[in-house]
Amino acid sequence: MTPWQSILDFWFGDQEPPEPAFRKRWFRGGAEVDQQISERFGELHQRAVDGELDAWLSHPHGRLALILLIDQFSRNLYRGQAEAFAWDHRAQQWTLEALDGEHYPALAASGRMFCLMPLMHAEDLALHDRLADAIEQLCTDFPEQQDFLDGLRTSAIEHRDIIVRFGRYPHRNAAVGRTNTDEEVAYLAGDAARFGQ
């Protein structure tokens, strides 16, 4: 077994598209999933942060596992803290490299979806535009998985709308030490999306 396979098995299982239980883990996992990730992958996450796993970037599935560690698992390990977002720029760079190279097409639809996730997390409108194009191509490439991919498209639009409106994600402000604008205060006092953070 390759060193990254345990990450992919934990996150995706062995079916494509993944079973609903895995989708719940992705977006509504909560404290139990956070604990599982901490226990199983906390050490690997630290090694990824330290650059010790960068050799994984030479393989499509290794790159995907590294993106999961740095982008997704950071949000589980450091929920509500600045560290949840501290390495986003690295994951975004790895995603852009995948899109411009041969790694991205080697992934299944669910793998491509999570390869794209760092662009959704970006506070950069140009990256959201790149994401929108990639999602449209993903839907074209996998027409049989439209139901599965519709949620990705909807979420991408929701995230992009926030960046268009504020230029950043207001729900991150407290964690990263940013002062809310008056408009952000009003937004956060309402039914603002916090995306688990």
N, C-alpha and C. Protein backbone atom coordinates (compact mmCIF):
# COMPACT_ATOMS: atom_id res chain seq x y z
N MET A 1 0.85 -1.19 0.00
CA MET A 1 0.00 0.00 0.00
C MET A 1 0.89 1.25 0.00
N THR A 2 0.55 2.20 -0.84
CA THR A 2 1.30 3.45 -0.88
C THR A 2 1.05 4.24 0.40
N PRO A 3 1.97 5.11 0.77
CA PRO A 3 1.83 5.81 2.06
C PRO A 3 0.61 6.72 2.13
N TRP A 4 0.10 7.14 1.01
CA TRP A 4 -1.05 8.04 1.03
C TRP A 4 -2.39 7.31 0.94
N GLN A 5 -2.37 6.01 0.72
CA GLN A 5 -3.62 5.29 0.47
C GLN A 5 -4.55 5.30 1.67
N SER A 6 -4.00 5.27 2.89
CA SER A 6 -4.86 5.28 4.07
C SER A 6 -5.69 6.56 4.15
N ILE A 7 -5.12 7.67 3.69
CA ILE A 7 -5.86 8.94 3.67
C ILE A 7 -7.01 8.85 2.67
N LEU A 8 -6.71 8.37 1.48
CA LEU A 8 -7.74 8.28 0.43
C LEU A 8 -8.84 7.29 0.82
N ASP A 9 -8.46 6.17 1.42
CA ASP A 9 -9.46 5.19 1.85
C ASP A 9 -10.38 5.78 2.93
N PHE A 10 -9.80 6.49 3.87
CA PHE A 10 -10.58 7.11 4.94
C PHE A 10 -11.56 8.13 4.37
N TRP A 11 -11.12 8.91 3.40
CA TRP A 11 -11.92 10.02 2.90
C TRP A 11 -12.94 9.62 1.84
N PHE A 12 -12.58 8.65 0.99
CA PHE A 12 -13.43 8.31 -0.15
C PHE A 12 -14.04 6.92 -0.09
N GLY A 13 -13.48 6.01 0.70
CA GLY A 13 -13.94 4.64 0.66
C GLY A 13 -13.51 3.98 -0.63
N ASP A 14 -14.28 2.98 -1.06
CA ASP A 14 -13.87 2.23 -2.25
C ASP A 14 -14.91 2.26 -3.36
N GLN A 15 -15.86 3.20 -3.29
CA GLN A 15 -16.87 3.33 -4.34
C GLN A 15 -16.80 4.71 -4.97
N GLU A 16 -17.19 4.78 -6.23
CA GLU A 16 -17.24 6.05 -6.94
C GLU A 16 -18.59 6.18 -7.62
N PRO A 17 -19.40 7.19 -7.30
CA PRO A 17 -19.11 8.17 -6.26
C PRO A 17 -19.20 7.55 -4.87
N PRO A 18 -18.55 8.17 -3.90
CA PRO A 18 -18.56 7.62 -2.54
C PRO A 18 -19.97 7.53 -1.96
N GLU A 19 -20.13 6.59 -1.06
CA GLU A 19 -21.42 6.38 -0.40
C GLU A 19 -21.81 7.61 0.43
N PRO A 20 -23.11 7.79 0.69
CA PRO A 20 -23.57 8.95 1.46
C PRO A 20 -22.89 9.12 2.82
N ALA A 21 -22.51 8.03 3.46
CA ALA A 21 -21.84 8.15 4.77
C ALA A 21 -20.54 8.93 4.65
N PHE A 22 -19.85 8.77 3.54
CA PHE A 22 -18.60 9.51 3.34
C PHE A 22 -18.90 10.98 3.08
N ARG A 23 -19.94 11.25 2.35
CA ARG A 23 -20.31 12.64 2.08
C ARG A 23 -20.70 13.35 3.37
N LYS A 24 -21.35 12.63 4.28
CA LYS A 24 -21.67 13.22 5.59
C LYS A 24 -20.38 13.54 6.34
N ARG A 25 -19.41 12.65 6.27
CA ARG A 25 -18.11 12.87 6.92
C ARG A 25 -17.46 14.15 6.39
N TRP A 26 -17.56 14.37 5.10
CA TRP A 26 -16.92 15.52 4.49
C TRP A 26 -17.47 16.85 5.00
N PHE A 27 -18.79 16.95 5.07
CA PHE A 27 -19.40 18.26 5.27
C PHE A 27 -20.17 18.42 6.58
N ARG A 28 -20.43 17.32 7.28
CA ARG A 28 -21.15 17.41 8.55
C ARG A 28 -20.54 16.46 9.57
N GLY A 29 -19.23 16.34 9.55
CA GLY A 29 -18.55 15.36 10.38
C GLY A 29 -18.55 15.69 11.86
N GLY A 30 -18.26 16.93 12.21
CA GLY A 30 -18.26 17.34 13.60
C GLY A 30 -17.11 16.80 14.42
N ALA A 31 -17.28 16.83 15.74
CA ALA A 31 -16.21 16.50 16.68
C ALA A 31 -15.72 15.07 16.53
N GLU A 32 -16.60 14.15 16.22
CA GLU A 32 -16.18 12.75 16.10
C GLU A 32 -15.20 12.56 14.94
N VAL A 33 -15.50 13.15 13.80
CA VAL A 33 -14.60 13.05 12.65
C VAL A 33 -13.31 13.81 12.93
N ASP A 34 -13.42 14.97 13.57
CA ASP A 34 -12.21 15.72 13.94
C ASP A 34 -11.28 14.85 14.78
N GLN A 35 -11.85 14.13 15.74
CA GLN A 35 -11.05 13.27 16.61
C GLN A 35 -10.42 12.12 15.82
N GLN A 36 -11.18 11.52 14.93
CA GLN A 36 -10.63 10.44 14.10
C GLN A 36 -9.45 10.93 13.27
N ILE A 37 -9.60 12.10 12.68
CA ILE A 37 -8.52 12.66 11.86
C ILE A 37 -7.31 12.97 12.73
N SER A 38 -7.54 13.51 13.91
CA SER A 38 -6.43 13.81 14.81
C SER A 38 -5.66 12.55 15.18
N GLU A 39 -6.39 11.51 15.54
CA GLU A 39 -5.75 10.27 15.97
C GLU A 39 -5.05 9.55 14.82
N ARG A 40 -5.68 9.51 13.68
CA ARG A 40 -5.14 8.72 12.56
C ARG A 40 -4.13 9.49 11.71
N PHE A 41 -4.33 10.81 11.60
CA PHE A 41 -3.55 11.55 10.62
C PHE A 41 -2.86 12.79 11.17
N GLY A 42 -2.95 13.01 12.47
CA GLY A 42 -2.32 14.20 13.05
C GLY A 42 -0.83 14.27 12.79
N GLU A 43 -0.14 13.14 12.94
CA GLU A 43 1.30 13.12 12.71
C GLU A 43 1.63 13.35 11.23
N LEU A 44 0.88 12.72 10.34
CA LEU A 44 1.09 12.94 8.91
C LEU A 44 0.83 14.39 8.53
N HIS A 45 -0.18 14.99 9.14
CA HIS A 45 -0.47 16.39 8.88
C HIS A 45 0.73 17.26 9.24
N GLN A 46 1.31 17.02 10.40
CA GLN A 46 2.46 17.81 10.81
C GLN A 46 3.63 17.61 9.85
N ARG A 47 3.83 16.38 9.42
CA ARG A 47 4.90 16.12 8.45
C ARG A 47 4.63 16.84 7.13
N ALA A 48 3.37 16.90 6.73
CA ALA A 48 3.02 17.64 5.51
C ALA A 48 3.29 19.13 5.68
N VAL A 49 2.90 19.67 6.82
CA VAL A 49 3.15 21.08 7.12
C VAL A 49 4.65 21.38 7.07
N ASP A 50 5.44 20.46 7.57
CA ASP A 50 6.90 20.64 7.61
C ASP A 50 7.58 20.39 6.27
N GLY A 51 6.80 20.01 5.26
CA GLY A 51 7.37 19.77 3.93
C GLY A 51 7.99 18.41 3.75
N GLU A 52 7.82 17.52 4.72
CA GLU A 52 8.46 16.21 4.66
C GLU A 52 7.79 15.26 3.66
N LEU A 53 6.59 15.60 3.21
CA LEU A 53 5.85 14.71 2.30
C LEU A 53 5.75 15.28 0.89
N ASP A 54 6.52 16.30 0.58
CA ASP A 54 6.42 16.94 -0.73
C ASP A 54 6.71 16.00 -1.88
N ALA A 55 7.43 14.91 -1.63
CA ALA A 55 7.68 13.93 -2.70
C ALA A 55 6.37 13.33 -3.22
N TRP A 56 5.32 13.35 -2.40
CA TRP A 56 4.03 12.83 -2.83
C TRP A 56 3.48 13.60 -4.03
N LEU A 57 3.92 14.84 -4.20
CA LEU A 57 3.41 15.68 -5.28
C LEU A 57 3.73 15.13 -6.66
N SER A 58 4.62 14.15 -6.73
CA SER A 58 5.00 13.59 -8.03
C SER A 58 3.99 12.55 -8.54
N HIS A 59 2.99 12.21 -7.73
CA HIS A 59 2.00 11.21 -8.12
C HIS A 59 0.60 11.82 -7.97
N PRO A 60 -0.31 11.58 -8.92
CA PRO A 60 -1.65 12.19 -8.82
C PRO A 60 -2.37 11.91 -7.51
N HIS A 61 -2.32 10.66 -7.04
CA HIS A 61 -3.03 10.33 -5.80
C HIS A 61 -2.26 10.79 -4.57
N GLY A 62 -0.96 10.84 -4.67
CA GLY A 62 -0.17 11.42 -3.59
C GLY A 62 -0.45 12.90 -3.44
N ARG A 63 -0.55 13.60 -4.57
CA ARG A 63 -0.88 15.03 -4.55
C ARG A 63 -2.26 15.24 -3.93
N LEU A 64 -3.22 14.42 -4.33
CA LEU A 64 -4.57 14.54 -3.77
C LEU A 64 -4.54 14.32 -2.26
N ALA A 65 -3.82 13.31 -1.80
CA ALA A 65 -3.74 13.04 -0.36
C ALA A 65 -3.09 14.21 0.37
N LEU A 66 -2.08 14.81 -0.22
CA LEU A 66 -1.41 15.95 0.40
C LEU A 66 -2.35 17.15 0.45
N ILE A 67 -3.12 17.36 -0.60
CA ILE A 67 -4.12 18.44 -0.59
C ILE A 67 -5.15 18.19 0.51
N LEU A 68 -5.60 16.95 0.65
CA LEU A 68 -6.54 16.64 1.73
C LEU A 68 -5.94 16.94 3.10
N LEU A 69 -4.70 16.53 3.31
CA LEU A 69 -4.04 16.78 4.59
C LEU A 69 -3.98 18.26 4.91
N ILE A 70 -3.53 19.05 3.94
CA ILE A 70 -3.26 20.47 4.19
C ILE A 70 -4.52 21.32 4.13
N ASP A 71 -5.42 21.00 3.22
CA ASP A 71 -6.61 21.83 3.04
C ASP A 71 -7.77 21.35 3.92
N GLN A 72 -8.19 20.12 3.74
CA GLN A 72 -9.36 19.61 4.47
C GLN A 72 -9.05 19.30 5.93
N PHE A 73 -8.01 18.52 6.15
CA PHE A 73 -7.74 18.05 7.51
C PHE A 73 -7.31 19.19 8.43
N SER A 74 -6.71 20.23 7.89
CA SER A 74 -6.39 21.40 8.72
C SER A 74 -7.65 21.98 9.32
N ARG A 75 -8.74 21.96 8.57
CA ARG A 75 -10.00 22.50 9.05
C ARG A 75 -10.61 21.63 10.14
N ASN A 76 -10.34 20.35 10.10
CA ASN A 76 -10.79 19.45 11.16
C ASN A 76 -9.91 19.55 12.40
N LEU A 77 -8.62 19.60 12.18
CA LEU A 77 -7.67 19.60 13.30
C LEU A 77 -7.67 20.92 14.06
N TYR A 78 -7.96 22.01 13.37
CA TYR A 78 -7.87 23.35 13.98
C TYR A 78 -9.17 24.13 13.80
N ARG A 79 -10.28 23.46 13.94
CA ARG A 79 -11.58 24.09 13.73
C ARG A 79 -11.71 25.38 14.55
N GLY A 80 -12.04 26.48 13.86
CA GLY A 80 -12.25 27.76 14.53
C GLY A 80 -10.98 28.50 14.90
N GLN A 81 -9.83 28.00 14.48
CA GLN A 81 -8.54 28.63 14.80
C GLN A 81 -7.85 29.08 13.51
N ALA A 82 -6.90 29.99 13.64
CA ALA A 82 -6.19 30.51 12.48
C ALA A 82 -5.48 29.41 11.70
N GLU A 83 -5.01 28.39 12.40
CA GLU A 83 -4.29 27.30 11.73
C GLU A 83 -5.17 26.54 10.74
N ALA A 84 -6.48 26.64 10.88
CA ALA A 84 -7.37 25.97 9.93
C ALA A 84 -7.14 26.47 8.51
N PHE A 85 -6.65 27.70 8.39
CA PHE A 85 -6.46 28.34 7.08
C PHE A 85 -5.00 28.65 6.77
N ALA A 86 -4.12 28.29 7.67
CA ALA A 86 -2.72 28.75 7.60
C ALA A 86 -1.97 28.25 6.37
N TRP A 87 -2.35 27.12 5.84
CA TRP A 87 -1.59 26.52 4.73
C TRP A 87 -2.40 26.51 3.44
N ASP A 88 -3.47 27.29 3.39
CA ASP A 88 -4.33 27.31 2.20
C ASP A 88 -3.55 27.65 0.94
N HIS A 89 -2.62 28.59 1.04
CA HIS A 89 -1.88 29.01 -0.16
C HIS A 89 -1.09 27.86 -0.77
N ARG A 90 -0.58 26.98 0.07
CA ARG A 90 0.16 25.82 -0.45
C ARG A 90 -0.78 24.88 -1.19
N ALA A 91 -1.92 24.60 -0.60
CA ALA A 91 -2.88 23.71 -1.26
C ALA A 91 -3.38 24.32 -2.57
N GLN A 92 -3.59 25.63 -2.57
CA GLN A 92 -4.03 26.29 -3.81
C GLN A 92 -2.98 26.15 -4.90
N GLN A 93 -1.72 26.31 -4.56
CA GLN A 93 -0.65 26.15 -5.54
C GLN A 93 -0.61 24.73 -6.08
N TRP A 94 -0.75 23.76 -5.21
CA TRP A 94 -0.74 22.35 -5.64
C TRP A 94 -1.92 22.05 -6.56
N THR A 95 -3.07 22.66 -6.27
CA THR A 95 -4.24 22.47 -7.14
C THR A 95 -4.00 23.08 -8.51
N LEU A 96 -3.47 24.28 -8.55
CA LEU A 96 -3.21 24.93 -9.84
C LEU A 96 -2.20 24.13 -10.66
N GLU A 97 -1.19 23.60 -10.00
CA GLU A 97 -0.21 22.75 -10.70
C GLU A 97 -0.89 21.50 -11.26
N ALA A 98 -1.80 20.92 -10.49
CA ALA A 98 -2.52 19.73 -10.96
C ALA A 98 -3.37 20.05 -12.18
N LEU A 99 -4.07 21.18 -12.13
CA LEU A 99 -4.92 21.57 -13.25
C LEU A 99 -4.12 21.84 -14.52
N ASP A 100 -2.92 22.36 -14.36
CA ASP A 100 -2.08 22.69 -15.50
C ASP A 100 -1.22 21.52 -15.97
N GLY A 101 -1.28 20.40 -15.26
CA GLY A 101 -0.45 19.25 -15.59
C GLY A 101 -1.27 18.02 -15.89
N GLU A 102 -0.68 16.87 -15.63
CA GLU A 102 -1.31 15.60 -15.96
C GLU A 102 -1.98 14.92 -14.76
N HIS A 103 -1.83 15.47 -13.57
CA HIS A 103 -2.35 14.80 -12.39
C HIS A 103 -3.87 14.87 -12.27
N TYR A 104 -4.45 16.01 -12.53
CA TYR A 104 -5.88 16.20 -12.33
C TYR A 104 -6.71 15.23 -13.17
N PRO A 105 -6.43 15.06 -14.47
CA PRO A 105 -7.24 14.13 -15.27
C PRO A 105 -7.14 12.67 -14.82
N ALA A 106 -6.12 12.34 -14.05
CA ALA A 106 -5.95 10.95 -13.59
C ALA A 106 -6.87 10.61 -12.42
N LEU A 107 -7.58 11.59 -11.89
CA LEU A 107 -8.42 11.39 -10.70
C LEU A 107 -9.87 11.12 -11.08
N ALA A 108 -10.55 10.34 -10.23
CA ALA A 108 -11.99 10.13 -10.36
C ALA A 108 -12.72 11.44 -10.04
N ALA A 109 -14.02 11.48 -10.27
CA ALA A 109 -14.79 12.70 -10.05
C ALA A 109 -14.67 13.20 -8.61
N SER A 110 -14.79 12.32 -7.63
CA SER A 110 -14.71 12.76 -6.23
C SER A 110 -13.31 13.26 -5.90
N GLY A 111 -12.29 12.63 -6.45
CA GLY A 111 -10.93 13.10 -6.25
C GLY A 111 -10.71 14.47 -6.86
N ARG A 112 -11.24 14.66 -8.06
CA ARG A 112 -11.13 15.98 -8.70
C ARG A 112 -11.84 17.04 -7.87
N MET A 113 -13.01 16.67 -7.33
CA MET A 113 -13.76 17.62 -6.51
C MET A 113 -12.91 18.13 -5.36
N PHE A 114 -12.23 17.21 -4.66
CA PHE A 114 -11.43 17.64 -3.51
C PHE A 114 -10.10 18.24 -3.92
N CYS A 115 -9.64 17.93 -5.11
CA CYS A 115 -8.47 18.62 -5.63
C CYS A 115 -8.80 20.09 -5.88
N LEU A 116 -10.05 20.37 -6.25
CA LEU A 116 -10.50 21.74 -6.51
C LEU A 116 -10.84 22.52 -5.25
N MET A 117 -11.09 21.84 -4.15
CA MET A 117 -11.59 22.50 -2.95
C MET A 117 -10.71 23.67 -2.47
N PRO A 118 -9.38 23.60 -2.57
CA PRO A 118 -8.59 24.76 -2.15
C PRO A 118 -8.95 26.05 -2.89
N LEU A 119 -9.40 25.94 -4.13
CA LEU A 119 -9.81 27.13 -4.86
C LEU A 119 -11.10 27.69 -4.29
N MET A 120 -11.99 26.83 -3.82
CA MET A 120 -13.22 27.29 -3.19
C MET A 120 -12.91 27.99 -1.86
N HIS A 121 -11.88 27.55 -1.19
CA HIS A 121 -11.51 28.14 0.09
C HIS A 121 -10.72 29.43 -0.06
N ALA A 122 -10.33 29.77 -1.28
CA ALA A 122 -9.49 30.95 -1.52
C ALA A 122 -10.26 32.25 -1.32
N GLU A 123 -9.56 33.25 -0.83
CA GLU A 123 -10.12 34.60 -0.74
C GLU A 123 -9.58 35.43 -1.91
N ASP A 124 -9.72 34.89 -3.09
CA ASP A 124 -9.18 35.48 -4.32
C ASP A 124 -10.18 35.18 -5.43
N LEU A 125 -10.80 36.22 -5.96
CA LEU A 125 -11.86 36.03 -6.94
C LEU A 125 -11.35 35.35 -8.21
N ALA A 126 -10.12 35.61 -8.60
CA ALA A 126 -9.57 34.97 -9.80
C ALA A 126 -9.52 33.46 -9.63
N LEU A 127 -9.23 32.99 -8.43
CA LEU A 127 -9.22 31.55 -8.19
C LEU A 127 -10.63 30.97 -8.21
N HIS A 128 -11.61 31.75 -7.79
CA HIS A 128 -13.00 31.30 -7.88
C HIS A 128 -13.45 31.22 -9.34
N ASP A 129 -12.96 32.13 -10.16
CA ASP A 129 -13.28 32.04 -11.59
C ASP A 129 -12.66 30.79 -12.20
N ARG A 130 -11.44 30.49 -11.80
CA ARG A 130 -10.79 29.26 -12.29
C ARG A 130 -11.57 28.03 -11.81
N LEU A 131 -12.04 28.09 -10.58
CA LEU A 131 -12.84 27.00 -10.02
C LEU A 131 -14.12 26.79 -10.84
N ALA A 132 -14.81 27.86 -11.17
CA ALA A 132 -16.06 27.75 -11.92
C ALA A 132 -15.83 27.06 -13.25
N ASP A 133 -14.76 27.43 -13.94
CA ASP A 133 -14.44 26.78 -15.21
C ASP A 133 -14.15 25.30 -15.02
N ALA A 134 -13.39 24.98 -13.97
CA ALA A 134 -13.03 23.59 -13.71
C ALA A 134 -14.25 22.74 -13.36
N ILE A 135 -15.19 23.32 -12.62
CA ILE A 135 -16.40 22.58 -12.26
C ILE A 135 -17.25 22.30 -13.50
N GLU A 136 -17.36 23.26 -14.37
CA GLU A 136 -18.13 23.03 -15.60
C GLU A 136 -17.51 21.91 -16.42
N GLN A 137 -16.18 21.89 -16.49
CA GLN A 137 -15.51 20.82 -17.22
C GLN A 137 -15.71 19.48 -16.51
N LEU A 138 -15.66 19.50 -15.19
CA LEU A 138 -15.87 18.28 -14.41
C LEU A 138 -17.26 17.71 -14.68
N CYS A 139 -18.26 18.56 -14.73
CA CYS A 139 -19.63 18.11 -15.01
C CYS A 139 -19.75 17.56 -16.43
N THR A 140 -19.01 18.14 -17.35
CA THR A 140 -18.99 17.63 -18.73
C THR A 140 -18.32 16.27 -18.79
N ASP A 141 -17.24 16.11 -18.04
CA ASP A 141 -16.48 14.86 -18.06
C ASP A 141 -17.22 13.70 -17.39
N PHE A 142 -18.10 14.02 -16.44
CA PHE A 142 -18.80 12.98 -15.67
C PHE A 142 -20.31 13.24 -15.69
N PRO A 143 -20.95 13.19 -16.85
CA PRO A 143 -22.39 13.50 -16.91
C PRO A 143 -23.24 12.53 -16.09
N GLU A 144 -22.74 11.32 -15.89
CA GLU A 144 -23.50 10.33 -15.12
C GLU A 144 -23.51 10.64 -13.63
N GLN A 145 -22.71 11.61 -13.20
CA GLN A 145 -22.65 11.96 -11.78
C GLN A 145 -23.18 13.36 -11.51
N GLN A 146 -24.10 13.84 -12.33
CA GLN A 146 -24.62 15.19 -12.18
C GLN A 146 -25.22 15.44 -10.80
N ASP A 147 -25.98 14.47 -10.28
CA ASP A 147 -26.59 14.66 -8.96
C ASP A 147 -25.53 14.88 -7.90
N PHE A 148 -24.47 14.10 -7.98
CA PHE A 148 -23.36 14.21 -7.04
C PHE A 148 -22.65 15.55 -7.18
N LEU A 149 -22.46 16.00 -8.41
CA LEU A 149 -21.68 17.20 -8.67
C LEU A 149 -22.49 18.49 -8.55
N ASP A 150 -23.82 18.40 -8.58
CA ASP A 150 -24.64 19.60 -8.44
C ASP A 150 -24.38 20.31 -7.12
N GLY A 151 -24.16 19.54 -6.07
CA GLY A 151 -23.86 20.14 -4.78
C GLY A 151 -22.57 20.94 -4.80
N LEU A 152 -21.58 20.45 -5.53
CA LEU A 152 -20.31 21.17 -5.67
C LEU A 152 -20.53 22.50 -6.38
N ARG A 153 -21.29 22.47 -7.45
CA ARG A 153 -21.56 23.70 -8.20
C ARG A 153 -22.28 24.72 -7.32
N THR A 154 -23.30 24.27 -6.59
CA THR A 154 -24.06 25.17 -5.72
C THR A 154 -23.18 25.77 -4.64
N SER A 155 -22.35 24.94 -4.02
CA SER A 155 -21.46 25.43 -2.97
C SER A 155 -20.44 26.42 -3.51
N ALA A 156 -19.93 26.16 -4.70
CA ALA A 156 -18.96 27.07 -5.31
C ALA A 156 -19.57 28.44 -5.55
N ILE A 157 -20.82 28.47 -6.00
CA ILE A 157 -21.51 29.74 -6.23
C ILE A 157 -21.70 30.48 -4.91
N GLU A 158 -22.10 29.75 -3.87
CA GLU A 158 -22.30 30.36 -2.55
C GLU A 158 -21.00 30.97 -2.03
N HIS A 159 -19.90 30.23 -2.15
CA HIS A 159 -18.61 30.75 -1.70
C HIS A 159 -18.19 31.97 -2.53
N ARG A 160 -18.35 31.88 -3.84
CA ARG A 160 -17.94 32.99 -4.72
C ARG A 160 -18.73 34.25 -4.39
N ASP A 161 -20.03 34.11 -4.14
CA ASP A 161 -20.86 35.27 -3.83
C ASP A 161 -20.35 36.00 -2.59
N ILE A 162 -19.86 35.26 -1.61
CA ILE A 162 -19.31 35.89 -0.40
C ILE A 162 -18.05 36.67 -0.74
N ILE A 163 -17.19 36.09 -1.58
CA ILE A 163 -15.95 36.79 -1.96
C ILE A 163 -16.28 38.03 -2.79
N VAL A 164 -17.25 37.94 -3.68
CA VAL A 164 -17.65 39.11 -4.46
C VAL A 164 -18.15 40.21 -3.53
N ARG A 165 -18.92 39.84 -2.53
CA ARG A 165 -19.53 40.83 -1.63
C ARG A 165 -18.53 41.45 -0.66
N PHE A 166 -17.65 40.60 -0.07
CA PHE A 166 -16.78 41.09 1.01
C PHE A 166 -15.29 41.09 0.66
N GLY A 167 -14.91 40.35 -0.36
CA GLY A 167 -13.48 40.23 -0.68
C GLY A 167 -12.75 39.26 0.22
N ARG A 168 -13.47 38.64 1.13
CA ARG A 168 -12.91 37.67 2.08
C ARG A 168 -14.07 36.93 2.72
N TYR A 169 -13.72 35.94 3.55
CA TYR A 169 -14.75 35.20 4.27
C TYR A 169 -14.89 35.80 5.68
N PRO A 170 -15.98 36.52 5.95
CA PRO A 170 -16.13 37.14 7.27
C PRO A 170 -16.10 36.15 8.42
N HIS A 171 -16.56 34.91 8.21
CA HIS A 171 -16.58 33.95 9.32
C HIS A 171 -15.17 33.59 9.78
N ARG A 172 -14.15 33.92 9.02
CA ARG A 172 -12.77 33.66 9.43
C ARG A 172 -12.17 34.81 10.25
N ASN A 173 -12.80 35.95 10.23
CA ASN A 173 -12.17 37.15 10.78
C ASN A 173 -11.71 36.98 12.22
N ALA A 174 -12.57 36.48 13.08
CA ALA A 174 -12.21 36.33 14.49
C ALA A 174 -11.01 35.40 14.66
N ALA A 175 -11.02 34.29 13.93
CA ALA A 175 -9.94 33.30 14.07
C ALA A 175 -8.59 33.85 13.63
N VAL A 176 -8.59 34.67 12.58
CA VAL A 176 -7.32 35.15 12.04
C VAL A 176 -6.98 36.56 12.49
N GLY A 177 -7.78 37.13 13.40
CA GLY A 177 -7.46 38.42 13.99
C GLY A 177 -7.80 39.62 13.12
N ARG A 178 -8.81 39.48 12.27
CA ARG A 178 -9.24 40.60 11.43
C ARG A 178 -10.45 41.28 12.07
N THR A 179 -10.54 42.58 11.90
CA THR A 179 -11.67 43.35 12.41
C THR A 179 -12.80 43.32 11.39
N ASN A 180 -13.99 43.05 11.86
CA ASN A 180 -15.16 43.04 10.99
C ASN A 180 -15.54 44.46 10.59
N THR A 181 -15.95 44.61 9.34
CA THR A 181 -16.58 45.86 8.92
C THR A 181 -18.01 45.86 9.46
N ASP A 182 -18.67 47.02 9.41
CA ASP A 182 -20.06 47.10 9.86
C ASP A 182 -20.94 46.14 9.06
N GLU A 183 -20.69 46.06 7.75
CA GLU A 183 -21.48 45.17 6.91
C GLU A 183 -21.25 43.71 7.30
N GLU A 184 -20.01 43.37 7.64
CA GLU A 184 -19.71 42.00 8.07
C GLU A 184 -20.35 41.68 9.41
N VAL A 185 -20.37 42.65 10.32
CA VAL A 185 -21.02 42.44 11.61
C VAL A 185 -22.49 42.09 11.40
N ALA A 186 -23.15 42.85 10.53
CA ALA A 186 -24.57 42.59 10.26
C ALA A 186 -24.75 41.23 9.59
N TYR A 187 -23.87 40.91 8.67
CA TYR A 187 -23.94 39.62 7.97
C TYR A 187 -23.77 38.46 8.95
N LEU A 188 -22.77 38.55 9.82
CA LEU A 188 -22.49 37.47 10.76
C LEU A 188 -23.58 37.35 11.83
N ALA A 189 -24.28 38.44 12.11
CA ALA A 189 -25.37 38.39 13.10
C ALA A 189 -26.60 37.70 12.54
N GLY A 190 -26.66 37.59 11.23
CA GLY A 190 -27.79 36.93 10.58
C GLY A 190 -27.52 35.45 10.39
N ASP A 191 -28.00 34.94 9.30
CA ASP A 191 -27.90 33.51 9.01
C ASP A 191 -26.69 33.25 8.11
N ALA A 192 -25.54 33.75 8.50
CA ALA A 192 -24.34 33.66 7.68
C ALA A 192 -23.80 32.24 7.62
N ALA A 193 -23.35 31.86 6.44
CA ALA A 193 -22.69 30.56 6.28
C ALA A 193 -21.33 30.60 6.96
N ARG A 194 -21.04 29.58 7.74
CA ARG A 194 -19.75 29.49 8.43
C ARG A 194 -18.94 28.29 7.98
N PHE A 195 -19.55 27.43 7.19
CA PHE A 195 -18.85 26.29 6.60
C PHE A 195 -18.08 25.47 7.63
N GLY A 196 -18.71 25.27 8.78
CA GLY A 196 -18.13 24.42 9.81
C GLY A 196 -17.06 25.07 10.66
N GLN A 197 -16.81 26.36 10.48
CA GLN A 197 -15.72 27.01 11.23
C GLN A 197 -16.26 28.02 12.23
